[in-house]
N, C-alpha and C. Protein backbone atom coordinates (compact mmCIF):
# COMPACT_ATOMS: atom_id res chain seq x y z
N MET A 1 -48.75 -36.68 10.27
CA MET A 1 -48.34 -36.61 11.64
C MET A 1 -48.86 -35.30 12.25
N THR A 2 -49.46 -35.36 13.39
CA THR A 2 -50.03 -34.18 14.02
C THR A 2 -49.03 -33.60 15.01
N LYS A 3 -49.06 -32.29 15.09
CA LYS A 3 -48.17 -31.61 16.03
C LYS A 3 -48.83 -31.57 17.41
N THR A 4 -48.01 -31.82 18.39
CA THR A 4 -48.51 -31.68 19.76
C THR A 4 -48.46 -30.21 20.14
N LYS A 5 -49.03 -29.89 21.25
CA LYS A 5 -49.06 -28.50 21.71
C LYS A 5 -47.64 -28.01 22.00
N GLN A 6 -46.82 -28.88 22.54
CA GLN A 6 -45.43 -28.51 22.85
C GLN A 6 -44.63 -28.26 21.57
N ASP A 7 -44.83 -29.08 20.54
CA ASP A 7 -44.12 -28.89 19.27
C ASP A 7 -44.51 -27.58 18.60
N SER A 8 -45.77 -27.25 18.63
CA SER A 8 -46.19 -25.99 18.00
C SER A 8 -45.70 -24.79 18.80
N HIS A 9 -45.55 -24.95 20.11
CA HIS A 9 -45.05 -23.87 20.95
C HIS A 9 -43.56 -23.65 20.69
N ILE A 10 -42.82 -24.71 20.48
CA ILE A 10 -41.38 -24.60 20.23
C ILE A 10 -41.11 -23.98 18.87
N SER A 11 -41.88 -24.32 17.86
CA SER A 11 -41.63 -23.80 16.52
C SER A 11 -42.20 -22.40 16.29
N ARG A 12 -42.86 -21.85 17.28
CA ARG A 12 -43.43 -20.51 17.16
C ARG A 12 -42.31 -19.47 17.13
N PRO A 13 -42.37 -18.51 16.22
CA PRO A 13 -41.31 -17.49 16.18
C PRO A 13 -41.37 -16.59 17.42
N THR A 14 -40.21 -16.19 17.87
CA THR A 14 -40.14 -15.30 19.03
C THR A 14 -40.13 -13.86 18.57
N SER A 15 -40.50 -12.98 19.46
CA SER A 15 -40.51 -11.56 19.12
C SER A 15 -39.08 -11.03 19.09
N PRO A 16 -38.85 -9.93 18.40
CA PRO A 16 -37.49 -9.37 18.31
C PRO A 16 -36.94 -9.02 19.69
N HIS A 17 -35.71 -9.29 19.88
CA HIS A 17 -35.04 -9.00 21.14
C HIS A 17 -34.40 -7.62 21.05
N LEU A 18 -33.94 -7.10 22.17
CA LEU A 18 -33.35 -5.77 22.20
C LEU A 18 -32.10 -5.67 21.32
N THR A 19 -31.42 -6.79 21.10
CA THR A 19 -30.23 -6.74 20.24
C THR A 19 -30.60 -6.58 18.78
N ILE A 20 -31.79 -6.96 18.41
CA ILE A 20 -32.24 -6.85 17.02
C ILE A 20 -32.98 -5.53 16.80
N TYR A 21 -33.65 -5.05 17.83
CA TYR A 21 -34.50 -3.86 17.73
C TYR A 21 -33.67 -2.63 17.40
N ARG A 22 -34.10 -1.87 16.42
CA ARG A 22 -33.42 -0.62 16.05
C ARG A 22 -33.90 0.48 16.97
N LYS A 23 -32.95 1.10 17.65
CA LYS A 23 -33.31 2.13 18.62
C LYS A 23 -33.80 3.38 17.92
N GLN A 24 -34.87 3.95 18.45
CA GLN A 24 -35.42 5.19 17.92
C GLN A 24 -35.08 6.32 18.87
N ILE A 25 -34.99 7.51 18.34
CA ILE A 25 -34.59 8.64 19.18
C ILE A 25 -35.59 8.89 20.30
N SER A 26 -36.86 8.69 20.03
CA SER A 26 -37.86 8.96 21.08
C SER A 26 -37.72 7.99 22.25
N SER A 27 -37.43 6.73 21.98
CA SER A 27 -37.28 5.76 23.08
C SER A 27 -35.99 6.01 23.86
N VAL A 28 -34.92 6.35 23.17
CA VAL A 28 -33.65 6.63 23.85
C VAL A 28 -33.78 7.88 24.72
N LEU A 29 -34.40 8.92 24.19
CA LEU A 29 -34.59 10.14 24.96
C LEU A 29 -35.50 9.91 26.16
N SER A 30 -36.50 9.07 26.00
CA SER A 30 -37.40 8.77 27.11
C SER A 30 -36.67 8.03 28.24
N ILE A 31 -35.84 7.08 27.87
CA ILE A 31 -35.07 6.34 28.88
C ILE A 31 -34.12 7.27 29.62
N PHE A 32 -33.40 8.13 28.86
CA PHE A 32 -32.48 9.05 29.51
C PHE A 32 -33.20 10.13 30.31
N HIS A 33 -34.41 10.49 29.92
CA HIS A 33 -35.20 11.45 30.71
C HIS A 33 -35.48 10.87 32.10
N ARG A 34 -35.83 9.60 32.13
CA ARG A 34 -36.09 8.96 33.43
C ARG A 34 -34.82 8.80 34.25
N LEU A 35 -33.73 8.40 33.59
CA LEU A 35 -32.45 8.23 34.30
C LEU A 35 -31.94 9.56 34.86
N THR A 36 -32.06 10.63 34.09
CA THR A 36 -31.61 11.92 34.60
C THR A 36 -32.51 12.41 35.74
N GLY A 37 -33.77 12.06 35.70
CA GLY A 37 -34.66 12.41 36.81
C GLY A 37 -34.22 11.75 38.11
N VAL A 38 -33.85 10.48 38.03
CA VAL A 38 -33.35 9.77 39.21
C VAL A 38 -32.02 10.35 39.66
N MET A 39 -31.15 10.63 38.69
CA MET A 39 -29.85 11.21 39.01
C MET A 39 -30.00 12.57 39.69
N LEU A 40 -30.90 13.39 39.21
CA LEU A 40 -31.12 14.70 39.82
C LEU A 40 -31.71 14.59 41.22
N PHE A 41 -32.54 13.59 41.43
CA PHE A 41 -33.08 13.36 42.78
C PHE A 41 -31.95 13.08 43.76
N PHE A 42 -31.05 12.19 43.40
CA PHE A 42 -29.93 11.86 44.29
C PHE A 42 -28.97 13.03 44.44
N ALA A 43 -28.80 13.82 43.39
CA ALA A 43 -27.94 15.01 43.49
C ALA A 43 -28.53 16.02 44.47
N ILE A 44 -29.84 16.18 44.44
CA ILE A 44 -30.48 17.12 45.36
C ILE A 44 -30.38 16.61 46.80
N VAL A 45 -30.54 15.31 46.99
CA VAL A 45 -30.41 14.74 48.34
C VAL A 45 -29.01 14.94 48.87
N ILE A 46 -28.00 14.65 48.06
CA ILE A 46 -26.61 14.80 48.50
C ILE A 46 -26.27 16.26 48.78
N SER A 47 -26.72 17.17 47.92
CA SER A 47 -26.43 18.58 48.15
C SER A 47 -27.17 19.11 49.38
N THR A 48 -28.34 18.58 49.65
CA THR A 48 -29.06 18.98 50.86
C THR A 48 -28.32 18.53 52.11
N TRP A 49 -27.81 17.31 52.11
CA TRP A 49 -27.03 16.82 53.25
C TRP A 49 -25.74 17.62 53.40
N TRP A 50 -25.10 17.99 52.27
CA TRP A 50 -23.89 18.81 52.35
C TRP A 50 -24.22 20.14 53.02
N PHE A 51 -25.35 20.75 52.63
CA PHE A 51 -25.74 22.02 53.22
C PHE A 51 -26.04 21.87 54.71
N ILE A 52 -26.69 20.78 55.10
CA ILE A 52 -26.99 20.53 56.51
C ILE A 52 -25.71 20.37 57.31
N PHE A 53 -24.76 19.60 56.78
CA PHE A 53 -23.47 19.44 57.47
C PHE A 53 -22.75 20.78 57.60
N TRP A 54 -22.83 21.60 56.55
CA TRP A 54 -22.18 22.89 56.58
C TRP A 54 -22.80 23.80 57.64
N VAL A 55 -24.12 23.80 57.75
CA VAL A 55 -24.80 24.65 58.73
C VAL A 55 -24.52 24.17 60.15
N PHE A 56 -24.59 22.84 60.38
CA PHE A 56 -24.40 22.34 61.74
C PHE A 56 -22.92 22.29 62.15
N SER A 57 -22.02 22.52 61.21
CA SER A 57 -20.61 22.65 61.60
C SER A 57 -20.27 24.11 61.87
N LYS A 58 -21.28 24.93 61.98
CA LYS A 58 -21.14 26.36 62.21
C LYS A 58 -20.34 27.03 61.09
N PHE A 59 -20.70 26.65 59.87
CA PHE A 59 -20.15 27.24 58.65
C PHE A 59 -18.63 27.09 58.58
N ASP A 60 -18.19 25.87 58.82
CA ASP A 60 -16.77 25.53 58.72
C ASP A 60 -16.29 25.73 57.28
N PRO A 61 -15.18 26.43 57.07
CA PRO A 61 -14.71 26.68 55.70
C PRO A 61 -14.30 25.40 54.96
N TYR A 62 -14.12 24.30 55.66
CA TYR A 62 -13.75 23.04 55.01
C TYR A 62 -14.82 22.62 54.00
N TYR A 63 -16.08 22.81 54.34
CA TYR A 63 -17.16 22.40 53.44
C TYR A 63 -17.24 23.28 52.19
N ILE A 64 -16.82 24.53 52.32
CA ILE A 64 -16.79 25.42 51.16
C ILE A 64 -15.59 25.06 50.27
N GLN A 65 -14.47 24.66 50.88
CA GLN A 65 -13.29 24.30 50.09
C GLN A 65 -13.50 23.02 49.28
N LEU A 66 -14.47 22.21 49.66
CA LEU A 66 -14.77 21.01 48.88
C LEU A 66 -15.21 21.35 47.46
N ILE A 67 -15.79 22.53 47.28
CA ILE A 67 -16.27 22.93 45.97
C ILE A 67 -15.11 23.12 45.00
N LYS A 68 -13.93 23.43 45.50
CA LYS A 68 -12.77 23.65 44.65
C LYS A 68 -12.15 22.36 44.12
N CYS A 69 -12.62 21.22 44.58
CA CYS A 69 -12.10 19.92 44.14
C CYS A 69 -12.49 19.69 42.67
N ASN A 70 -11.52 19.24 41.87
CA ASN A 70 -11.79 19.04 40.44
C ASN A 70 -12.80 17.92 40.20
N LEU A 71 -12.76 16.89 41.02
CA LEU A 71 -13.71 15.79 40.87
C LEU A 71 -15.14 16.27 41.11
N LEU A 72 -15.31 17.14 42.08
CA LEU A 72 -16.64 17.71 42.34
C LEU A 72 -17.08 18.63 41.21
N LYS A 73 -16.14 19.36 40.62
CA LYS A 73 -16.49 20.22 39.48
C LYS A 73 -16.98 19.38 38.30
N ILE A 74 -16.33 18.25 38.07
CA ILE A 74 -16.76 17.36 36.99
C ILE A 74 -18.15 16.81 37.30
N ALA A 75 -18.38 16.43 38.55
CA ALA A 75 -19.70 15.93 38.94
C ALA A 75 -20.76 17.01 38.77
N LEU A 76 -20.43 18.24 39.15
CA LEU A 76 -21.38 19.35 38.99
C LEU A 76 -21.67 19.64 37.52
N PHE A 77 -20.66 19.46 36.66
CA PHE A 77 -20.88 19.63 35.23
C PHE A 77 -21.90 18.61 34.72
N PHE A 78 -21.72 17.34 35.11
CA PHE A 78 -22.65 16.31 34.65
C PHE A 78 -24.03 16.47 35.27
N ILE A 79 -24.09 16.97 36.50
CA ILE A 79 -25.39 17.23 37.12
C ILE A 79 -26.11 18.36 36.38
N SER A 80 -25.37 19.40 36.00
CA SER A 80 -26.00 20.48 35.24
C SER A 80 -26.41 20.01 33.84
N LEU A 81 -25.59 19.14 33.24
CA LEU A 81 -25.96 18.57 31.95
C LEU A 81 -27.25 17.76 32.07
N ALA A 82 -27.34 16.96 33.13
CA ALA A 82 -28.56 16.18 33.36
C ALA A 82 -29.76 17.08 33.63
N GLY A 83 -29.52 18.17 34.35
CA GLY A 83 -30.61 19.10 34.65
C GLY A 83 -31.15 19.78 33.41
N PHE A 84 -30.25 20.24 32.55
CA PHE A 84 -30.69 20.89 31.32
C PHE A 84 -31.33 19.89 30.36
N TYR A 85 -30.80 18.66 30.35
CA TYR A 85 -31.41 17.63 29.50
C TYR A 85 -32.84 17.33 29.97
N HIS A 86 -32.98 17.17 31.28
CA HIS A 86 -34.30 16.86 31.85
C HIS A 86 -35.26 18.03 31.59
N LEU A 87 -34.75 19.25 31.66
CA LEU A 87 -35.58 20.42 31.37
C LEU A 87 -36.03 20.43 29.91
N CYS A 88 -35.09 20.22 28.99
CA CYS A 88 -35.42 20.29 27.56
C CYS A 88 -36.38 19.18 27.15
N THR A 89 -36.14 17.97 27.62
CA THR A 89 -37.06 16.89 27.26
C THR A 89 -38.38 17.02 28.00
N GLY A 90 -38.36 17.65 29.17
CA GLY A 90 -39.61 17.92 29.87
C GLY A 90 -40.47 18.93 29.13
N ILE A 91 -39.84 19.95 28.56
CA ILE A 91 -40.57 20.92 27.74
C ILE A 91 -41.14 20.23 26.51
N ARG A 92 -40.36 19.30 25.95
CA ARG A 92 -40.84 18.53 24.80
C ARG A 92 -42.10 17.73 25.16
N HIS A 93 -42.10 17.14 26.35
CA HIS A 93 -43.27 16.39 26.80
C HIS A 93 -44.46 17.32 27.06
N LEU A 94 -44.18 18.53 27.55
CA LEU A 94 -45.27 19.49 27.76
C LEU A 94 -45.90 19.91 26.44
N ILE A 95 -45.07 20.03 25.40
CA ILE A 95 -45.61 20.34 24.07
C ILE A 95 -46.50 19.19 23.61
N TRP A 96 -46.06 17.96 23.87
CA TRP A 96 -46.88 16.80 23.50
C TRP A 96 -48.20 16.79 24.26
N ASP A 97 -48.19 17.28 25.50
CA ASP A 97 -49.43 17.32 26.28
C ASP A 97 -50.47 18.25 25.68
N THR A 98 -50.03 19.19 24.85
CA THR A 98 -50.99 20.07 24.18
C THR A 98 -51.56 19.41 22.93
N GLY A 99 -51.02 18.25 22.56
CA GLY A 99 -51.51 17.53 21.39
C GLY A 99 -50.81 17.90 20.10
N LYS A 100 -49.67 18.56 20.21
CA LYS A 100 -48.94 18.98 19.02
C LYS A 100 -47.66 18.16 18.85
N CYS A 101 -47.10 18.19 17.64
CA CYS A 101 -45.81 17.57 17.30
C CYS A 101 -45.81 16.06 17.46
N PHE A 102 -46.86 15.40 17.00
CA PHE A 102 -46.92 13.94 17.09
C PHE A 102 -46.55 13.22 15.80
N SER A 103 -46.23 13.95 14.74
CA SER A 103 -45.81 13.27 13.51
C SER A 103 -44.40 12.74 13.71
N ILE A 104 -44.04 11.73 12.95
CA ILE A 104 -42.72 11.11 13.08
C ILE A 104 -41.62 12.14 12.84
N ASN A 105 -41.80 12.98 11.84
CA ASN A 105 -40.80 14.01 11.55
C ASN A 105 -40.67 14.98 12.71
N SER A 106 -41.79 15.41 13.29
CA SER A 106 -41.76 16.35 14.42
C SER A 106 -41.12 15.72 15.65
N ILE A 107 -41.38 14.46 15.88
CA ILE A 107 -40.78 13.77 17.02
C ILE A 107 -39.27 13.72 16.87
N ASN A 108 -38.79 13.42 15.67
CA ASN A 108 -37.35 13.37 15.44
C ASN A 108 -36.70 14.75 15.55
N VAL A 109 -37.36 15.75 14.99
CA VAL A 109 -36.81 17.12 15.02
C VAL A 109 -36.77 17.64 16.45
N THR A 110 -37.85 17.49 17.19
CA THR A 110 -37.86 17.99 18.58
C THR A 110 -36.91 17.20 19.46
N GLY A 111 -36.70 15.93 19.15
CA GLY A 111 -35.74 15.14 19.92
C GLY A 111 -34.32 15.65 19.73
N TRP A 112 -33.94 15.86 18.49
CA TRP A 112 -32.59 16.38 18.24
C TRP A 112 -32.46 17.82 18.72
N LEU A 113 -33.53 18.58 18.64
CA LEU A 113 -33.50 19.95 19.15
C LEU A 113 -33.29 19.96 20.67
N ALA A 114 -33.90 19.02 21.37
CA ALA A 114 -33.72 18.92 22.82
C ALA A 114 -32.27 18.57 23.16
N VAL A 115 -31.67 17.68 22.39
CA VAL A 115 -30.27 17.29 22.64
C VAL A 115 -29.34 18.47 22.36
N ILE A 116 -29.55 19.17 21.26
CA ILE A 116 -28.71 20.32 20.92
C ILE A 116 -28.86 21.43 21.95
N CYS A 117 -30.09 21.71 22.36
CA CYS A 117 -30.32 22.74 23.37
C CYS A 117 -29.70 22.37 24.71
N THR A 118 -29.68 21.09 25.04
CA THR A 118 -29.06 20.64 26.28
C THR A 118 -27.59 21.02 26.31
N PHE A 119 -26.86 20.69 25.25
CA PHE A 119 -25.43 21.02 25.22
C PHE A 119 -25.22 22.52 25.14
N PHE A 120 -26.06 23.22 24.39
CA PHE A 120 -25.94 24.66 24.28
C PHE A 120 -26.16 25.33 25.64
N PHE A 121 -27.22 24.97 26.35
CA PHE A 121 -27.51 25.58 27.65
C PHE A 121 -26.43 25.25 28.67
N THR A 122 -25.91 24.02 28.63
CA THR A 122 -24.87 23.63 29.58
C THR A 122 -23.60 24.44 29.33
N LEU A 123 -23.21 24.57 28.07
CA LEU A 123 -22.00 25.34 27.76
C LEU A 123 -22.16 26.81 28.11
N ILE A 124 -23.32 27.38 27.82
CA ILE A 124 -23.58 28.78 28.18
C ILE A 124 -23.55 28.95 29.71
N PHE A 125 -24.13 28.00 30.43
CA PHE A 125 -24.16 28.07 31.89
C PHE A 125 -22.75 28.04 32.46
N TRP A 126 -21.90 27.12 32.00
CA TRP A 126 -20.55 27.01 32.55
C TRP A 126 -19.64 28.12 32.03
N TRP A 127 -19.93 28.63 30.87
CA TRP A 127 -19.13 29.73 30.34
C TRP A 127 -19.42 31.01 31.14
N SER A 128 -20.64 31.16 31.61
CA SER A 128 -21.01 32.38 32.35
C SER A 128 -20.54 32.36 33.80
N LEU A 129 -20.09 31.21 34.29
CA LEU A 129 -19.62 31.17 35.69
C LEU A 129 -18.31 31.85 35.85
């Protein structure tokens, strides 16, 4: 019995799906690098509009008192975390642009180093405020 084109297409194995795929540190860091870049863009836009409103309200103290809100402090913490993460992984990409650290071991080490430095820089930044 000969297989038709449709039968051979149905019995063809499919490629691994995201639920089967084992996540690697380099792919996860790359995805979060892009997400933090988008997040930082929107944070800069929002802070620019806040500054514009503050200037055109003739420096109304209400806009300065918004900074004392705990919800805004939490948002600023995560924005600074995203900023330091984007910085650390950006430096990692700049090192790659020089043609260095392309071995699997180096990729894993620099990835974890970027994550550790992110938390370290964020904690130092908020501790110094």
